[in-house]
N, C-alpha and C. Protein backbone atom coordinates (compact mmCIF):
# COMPACT_ATOMS: atom_id res chain seq x y z
N MET A 1 0.84 -1.18 0.00
CA MET A 1 0.00 0.00 0.00
C MET A 1 0.88 1.24 0.00
N ALA A 2 0.52 2.19 -0.82
CA ALA A 2 1.24 3.46 -0.89
C ALA A 2 0.55 4.49 -0.02
N GLN A 3 1.33 5.38 0.54
CA GLN A 3 0.76 6.46 1.32
C GLN A 3 0.75 7.72 0.49
N ASN A 4 -0.31 8.49 0.60
CA ASN A 4 -0.45 9.74 -0.15
C ASN A 4 -0.03 10.90 0.74
N PHE A 5 1.20 11.36 0.54
CA PHE A 5 1.70 12.49 1.31
C PHE A 5 1.21 13.78 0.66
N ARG A 6 0.85 14.75 1.48
CA ARG A 6 0.38 16.05 1.01
C ARG A 6 1.09 17.13 1.81
N ARG A 7 1.19 18.29 1.18
CA ARG A 7 1.69 19.45 1.91
C ARG A 7 0.76 20.62 1.62
N TYR A 8 0.58 21.43 2.64
CA TYR A 8 -0.26 22.63 2.53
C TYR A 8 0.56 23.80 3.02
N THR A 9 0.46 24.93 2.33
CA THR A 9 1.24 26.10 2.71
C THR A 9 0.34 27.33 2.76
N LEU A 10 0.72 28.25 3.61
CA LEU A 10 0.10 29.57 3.69
C LEU A 10 1.21 30.56 3.97
N ASN A 11 1.08 31.76 3.42
CA ASN A 11 2.04 32.79 3.80
C ASN A 11 1.29 34.05 4.20
N GLY A 12 1.90 34.77 5.11
CA GLY A 12 1.33 36.03 5.57
C GLY A 12 0.07 35.89 6.40
N VAL A 13 -0.05 34.80 7.17
CA VAL A 13 -1.21 34.64 8.06
C VAL A 13 -1.15 35.73 9.11
N GLY A 14 -2.31 36.27 9.44
CA GLY A 14 -2.36 37.36 10.40
C GLY A 14 -3.33 37.10 11.54
N THR A 15 -4.09 38.15 11.89
CA THR A 15 -4.92 38.11 13.09
C THR A 15 -6.26 37.40 12.89
N GLY A 16 -6.62 37.11 11.67
CA GLY A 16 -7.84 36.34 11.44
C GLY A 16 -7.50 34.87 11.35
N ALA A 17 -8.27 34.03 12.02
CA ALA A 17 -8.03 32.58 11.96
C ALA A 17 -8.15 32.12 10.51
N THR A 18 -7.13 31.42 10.04
CA THR A 18 -7.06 30.97 8.65
C THR A 18 -7.02 29.46 8.60
N SER A 19 -7.96 28.87 7.87
CA SER A 19 -8.01 27.42 7.72
C SER A 19 -6.94 26.96 6.74
N ILE A 20 -6.17 25.98 7.14
CA ILE A 20 -5.15 25.43 6.27
C ILE A 20 -5.70 24.26 5.47
N THR A 21 -6.44 23.40 6.14
CA THR A 21 -7.02 22.25 5.45
C THR A 21 -8.21 21.73 6.23
N ALA A 22 -9.11 21.09 5.50
CA ALA A 22 -10.23 20.39 6.11
C ALA A 22 -10.10 18.92 5.73
N ALA A 23 -10.17 18.05 6.72
CA ALA A 23 -10.03 16.62 6.47
C ALA A 23 -11.25 16.10 5.72
N ASN A 24 -11.00 15.20 4.77
CA ASN A 24 -12.10 14.56 4.05
C ASN A 24 -12.15 13.07 4.31
N SER A 25 -11.31 12.61 5.20
CA SER A 25 -11.26 11.21 5.62
C SER A 25 -10.47 11.21 6.93
N TYR A 26 -9.95 10.07 7.31
CA TYR A 26 -9.03 10.07 8.44
C TYR A 26 -7.65 10.42 7.89
N ASP A 27 -7.17 11.61 8.24
CA ASP A 27 -5.90 12.12 7.76
C ASP A 27 -4.95 12.27 8.95
N THR A 28 -3.66 12.23 8.68
CA THR A 28 -2.66 12.33 9.74
C THR A 28 -1.74 13.51 9.48
N VAL A 29 -1.67 14.43 10.43
CA VAL A 29 -0.74 15.56 10.35
C VAL A 29 0.58 15.07 10.93
N ILE A 30 1.64 15.13 10.11
CA ILE A 30 2.95 14.65 10.56
C ILE A 30 3.95 15.78 10.77
N GLY A 31 3.57 17.00 10.41
CA GLY A 31 4.46 18.13 10.63
C GLY A 31 3.75 19.46 10.48
N ILE A 32 4.02 20.38 11.40
CA ILE A 32 3.53 21.77 11.31
C ILE A 32 4.70 22.67 11.66
N ARG A 33 5.10 23.50 10.72
CA ARG A 33 6.15 24.49 10.98
C ARG A 33 5.56 25.86 10.74
N LEU A 34 5.71 26.75 11.73
CA LEU A 34 5.24 28.13 11.64
C LEU A 34 6.44 29.05 11.74
N ALA A 35 6.60 29.93 10.76
CA ALA A 35 7.75 30.84 10.72
C ALA A 35 7.29 32.28 10.90
N ASN A 36 7.99 32.99 11.77
CA ASN A 36 7.74 34.42 11.97
C ASN A 36 8.49 35.18 10.88
N VAL A 37 7.76 35.89 10.04
CA VAL A 37 8.39 36.62 8.93
C VAL A 37 8.47 38.12 9.21
N THR A 38 8.36 38.50 10.48
CA THR A 38 8.45 39.90 10.86
C THR A 38 9.75 40.17 11.61
N SER A 39 9.93 41.41 12.00
CA SER A 39 11.13 41.79 12.76
C SER A 39 10.83 41.92 14.25
N ASN A 40 9.67 41.45 14.69
CA ASN A 40 9.29 41.48 16.11
C ASN A 40 8.78 40.11 16.54
N MET A 41 8.79 39.85 17.85
CA MET A 41 8.22 38.62 18.36
C MET A 41 6.71 38.61 18.11
N ILE A 42 6.17 37.43 17.83
CA ILE A 42 4.73 37.27 17.64
C ILE A 42 4.22 36.14 18.52
N LEU A 43 2.91 36.09 18.71
CA LEU A 43 2.26 35.00 19.42
C LEU A 43 1.32 34.30 18.45
N VAL A 44 1.38 32.98 18.40
CA VAL A 44 0.56 32.23 17.45
C VAL A 44 -0.32 31.20 18.14
N ASP A 45 -1.44 30.92 17.50
CA ASP A 45 -2.35 29.85 17.89
C ASP A 45 -2.44 28.87 16.74
N ALA A 46 -2.52 27.60 17.05
CA ALA A 46 -2.85 26.57 16.07
C ALA A 46 -3.89 25.68 16.74
N TYR A 47 -5.00 25.46 16.04
CA TYR A 47 -6.04 24.65 16.65
C TYR A 47 -6.85 23.92 15.59
N ILE A 48 -7.54 22.89 16.05
CA ILE A 48 -8.42 22.10 15.20
C ILE A 48 -9.85 22.35 15.65
N ASN A 49 -10.71 22.63 14.67
CA ASN A 49 -12.13 22.73 14.97
C ASN A 49 -12.77 21.43 14.53
N ASP A 50 -13.47 20.77 15.45
CA ASP A 50 -14.10 19.48 15.16
C ASP A 50 -15.59 19.63 14.84
N ALA A 51 -15.97 20.80 14.34
CA ALA A 51 -17.35 21.17 14.01
C ALA A 51 -18.14 21.60 15.23
N SER A 52 -17.59 21.40 16.42
CA SER A 52 -18.26 21.84 17.64
C SER A 52 -17.36 22.66 18.55
N ASN A 53 -16.08 22.32 18.56
CA ASN A 53 -15.14 22.94 19.50
C ASN A 53 -13.82 23.28 18.82
N ASP A 54 -13.14 24.28 19.36
CA ASP A 54 -11.76 24.57 18.99
C ASP A 54 -10.85 23.86 19.99
N ILE A 55 -9.99 22.98 19.49
CA ILE A 55 -9.06 22.26 20.34
C ILE A 55 -7.66 22.74 19.98
N HIS A 56 -7.02 23.43 20.90
CA HIS A 56 -5.72 24.06 20.62
C HIS A 56 -4.58 23.06 20.67
N LEU A 57 -3.74 23.13 19.66
CA LEU A 57 -2.46 22.43 19.67
C LEU A 57 -1.44 23.29 20.39
N VAL A 58 -1.58 24.61 20.21
CA VAL A 58 -0.75 25.59 20.91
C VAL A 58 -1.54 26.89 20.97
N LYS A 59 -1.41 27.63 22.08
CA LYS A 59 -2.13 28.89 22.23
C LYS A 59 -1.16 29.96 22.73
N SER A 60 -1.12 31.06 22.00
CA SER A 60 -0.25 32.20 22.34
C SER A 60 1.21 31.79 22.48
N ALA A 61 1.67 30.91 21.60
CA ALA A 61 3.07 30.49 21.62
C ALA A 61 3.95 31.59 21.03
N PRO A 62 4.99 31.99 21.74
CA PRO A 62 5.87 33.04 21.21
C PRO A 62 6.83 32.49 20.15
N ILE A 63 6.98 33.26 19.08
CA ILE A 63 8.00 32.96 18.07
C ILE A 63 8.83 34.23 17.90
N PRO A 64 10.11 34.18 18.26
CA PRO A 64 10.97 35.35 18.10
C PRO A 64 11.10 35.76 16.63
N ALA A 65 11.49 37.00 16.41
CA ALA A 65 11.68 37.52 15.06
C ALA A 65 12.63 36.62 14.27
N GLY A 66 12.23 36.28 13.06
CA GLY A 66 13.07 35.49 12.18
C GLY A 66 13.21 34.02 12.56
N SER A 67 12.41 33.54 13.51
CA SER A 67 12.51 32.16 13.97
C SER A 67 11.28 31.37 13.54
N SER A 68 11.31 30.07 13.86
CA SER A 68 10.16 29.24 13.54
C SER A 68 9.84 28.33 14.72
N LEU A 69 8.66 27.74 14.66
CA LEU A 69 8.18 26.84 15.71
C LEU A 69 7.71 25.56 15.03
N GLU A 70 8.25 24.43 15.46
CA GLU A 70 7.84 23.13 14.96
C GLU A 70 6.85 22.56 15.97
N LEU A 71 5.60 22.38 15.57
CA LEU A 71 4.57 21.93 16.51
C LEU A 71 4.51 20.42 16.64
N ILE A 72 4.83 19.70 15.60
CA ILE A 72 4.78 18.25 15.64
C ILE A 72 6.17 17.75 15.26
N ASP A 73 6.81 17.03 16.18
CA ASP A 73 8.14 16.54 15.88
C ASP A 73 8.31 15.12 16.42
N GLY A 74 9.39 14.51 16.08
CA GLY A 74 9.65 13.15 16.54
C GLY A 74 8.59 12.19 16.03
N ALA A 75 8.12 11.34 16.89
CA ALA A 75 7.11 10.34 16.52
C ALA A 75 5.69 10.85 16.73
N SER A 76 5.54 12.09 17.09
CA SER A 76 4.24 12.68 17.36
C SER A 76 3.42 12.83 16.08
N LYS A 77 2.11 12.63 16.18
CA LYS A 77 1.20 12.80 15.04
C LYS A 77 -0.14 13.29 15.56
N VAL A 78 -0.90 13.93 14.68
CA VAL A 78 -2.25 14.38 15.02
C VAL A 78 -3.19 13.81 13.98
N ILE A 79 -4.22 13.13 14.43
CA ILE A 79 -5.20 12.52 13.53
C ILE A 79 -6.38 13.46 13.37
N LEU A 80 -6.76 13.72 12.12
CA LEU A 80 -7.96 14.48 11.81
C LEU A 80 -8.98 13.52 11.22
N GLN A 81 -10.23 13.68 11.61
CA GLN A 81 -11.26 12.89 10.96
C GLN A 81 -12.09 13.79 10.07
N SER A 82 -12.87 13.20 9.22
CA SER A 82 -13.63 13.95 8.21
C SER A 82 -14.38 15.12 8.84
N GLY A 83 -14.17 16.30 8.27
CA GLY A 83 -14.82 17.51 8.75
C GLY A 83 -13.97 18.36 9.68
N ASP A 84 -12.94 17.79 10.29
CA ASP A 84 -12.05 18.58 11.15
C ASP A 84 -11.29 19.59 10.30
N GLN A 85 -11.09 20.79 10.85
CA GLN A 85 -10.33 21.83 10.15
C GLN A 85 -9.19 22.31 11.03
N LEU A 86 -8.02 22.52 10.40
CA LEU A 86 -6.83 23.02 11.08
C LEU A 86 -6.71 24.51 10.81
N PHE A 87 -6.58 25.32 11.87
CA PHE A 87 -6.50 26.77 11.77
C PHE A 87 -5.20 27.29 12.37
N ILE A 88 -4.72 28.40 11.81
CA ILE A 88 -3.56 29.14 12.32
C ILE A 88 -3.98 30.59 12.49
N LYS A 89 -3.46 31.23 13.54
CA LYS A 89 -3.75 32.64 13.79
C LYS A 89 -2.57 33.26 14.52
N SER A 90 -2.35 34.55 14.29
CA SER A 90 -1.27 35.28 14.94
C SER A 90 -1.84 36.52 15.62
N ASP A 91 -1.04 37.12 16.49
CA ASP A 91 -1.46 38.39 17.10
C ASP A 91 -1.02 39.59 16.27
N THR A 92 -0.34 39.32 15.14
CA THR A 92 0.21 40.39 14.29
C THR A 92 -0.18 40.14 12.84
N ALA A 93 -0.56 41.19 12.15
CA ALA A 93 -0.97 41.07 10.74
C ALA A 93 0.17 40.55 9.87
N SER A 94 -0.16 39.70 8.92
CA SER A 94 0.77 39.20 7.90
C SER A 94 2.11 38.76 8.47
N SER A 95 2.08 37.92 9.50
CA SER A 95 3.32 37.62 10.23
C SER A 95 3.78 36.17 10.20
N VAL A 96 2.94 35.24 9.74
CA VAL A 96 3.29 33.82 9.84
C VAL A 96 3.22 33.14 8.49
N ASP A 97 4.27 32.40 8.16
CA ASP A 97 4.23 31.45 7.05
C ASP A 97 4.08 30.07 7.67
N ALA A 98 3.22 29.23 7.07
CA ALA A 98 2.94 27.90 7.62
C ALA A 98 3.18 26.83 6.58
N TRP A 99 3.77 25.72 7.02
CA TRP A 99 4.00 24.54 6.17
C TRP A 99 3.48 23.34 6.96
N ILE A 100 2.52 22.64 6.37
CA ILE A 100 1.91 21.50 7.02
C ILE A 100 2.16 20.27 6.15
N SER A 101 2.64 19.19 6.76
CA SER A 101 2.86 17.92 6.07
C SER A 101 1.86 16.91 6.60
N MET A 102 1.21 16.19 5.67
CA MET A 102 0.16 15.25 6.06
C MET A 102 0.24 13.96 5.26
N VAL A 103 -0.33 12.92 5.84
CA VAL A 103 -0.62 11.70 5.09
C VAL A 103 -2.13 11.73 4.89
N ASP A 104 -2.55 11.71 3.62
CA ASP A 104 -3.97 11.83 3.32
C ASP A 104 -4.66 10.48 3.45
N ALA A 105 -4.70 9.73 2.43
CA ALA A 105 -5.37 8.43 2.47
C ALA A 105 -4.34 7.36 2.16
N ILE A 106 -4.69 6.11 2.41
CA ILE A 106 -3.80 5.02 2.08
C ILE A 106 -4.37 4.31 0.86
N SER A 107 -3.56 4.21 -0.17
CA SER A 107 -3.99 3.55 -1.41
C SER A 107 -3.75 2.05 -1.30
N THR A 108 -4.52 1.31 -2.03
CA THR A 108 -4.31 -0.15 -2.06
C THR A 108 -3.85 -0.57 -3.43
């Protein structure tokens, strides 16, 4: 069986919550990297909405100027089921670039 790897990107995420992806099956997030593209420290949120609740992966996490934050590392993974949406938000306008790596579906 082959695995379908996907990547999703956003640049210049700001103060409005921005959806990166919505799951259409059981999907696995294997990496989230958030980069501060400003010259000041920022605070970021990353959360999943399960159609009823916002479940934070990180809330108000500081990212120094010119640095990045890896939210999922090592053997860690986050499972999304159909309808779940992954959101990113910052306390500063146009301040975050995001790269998300996922395994979508498994082919037979």
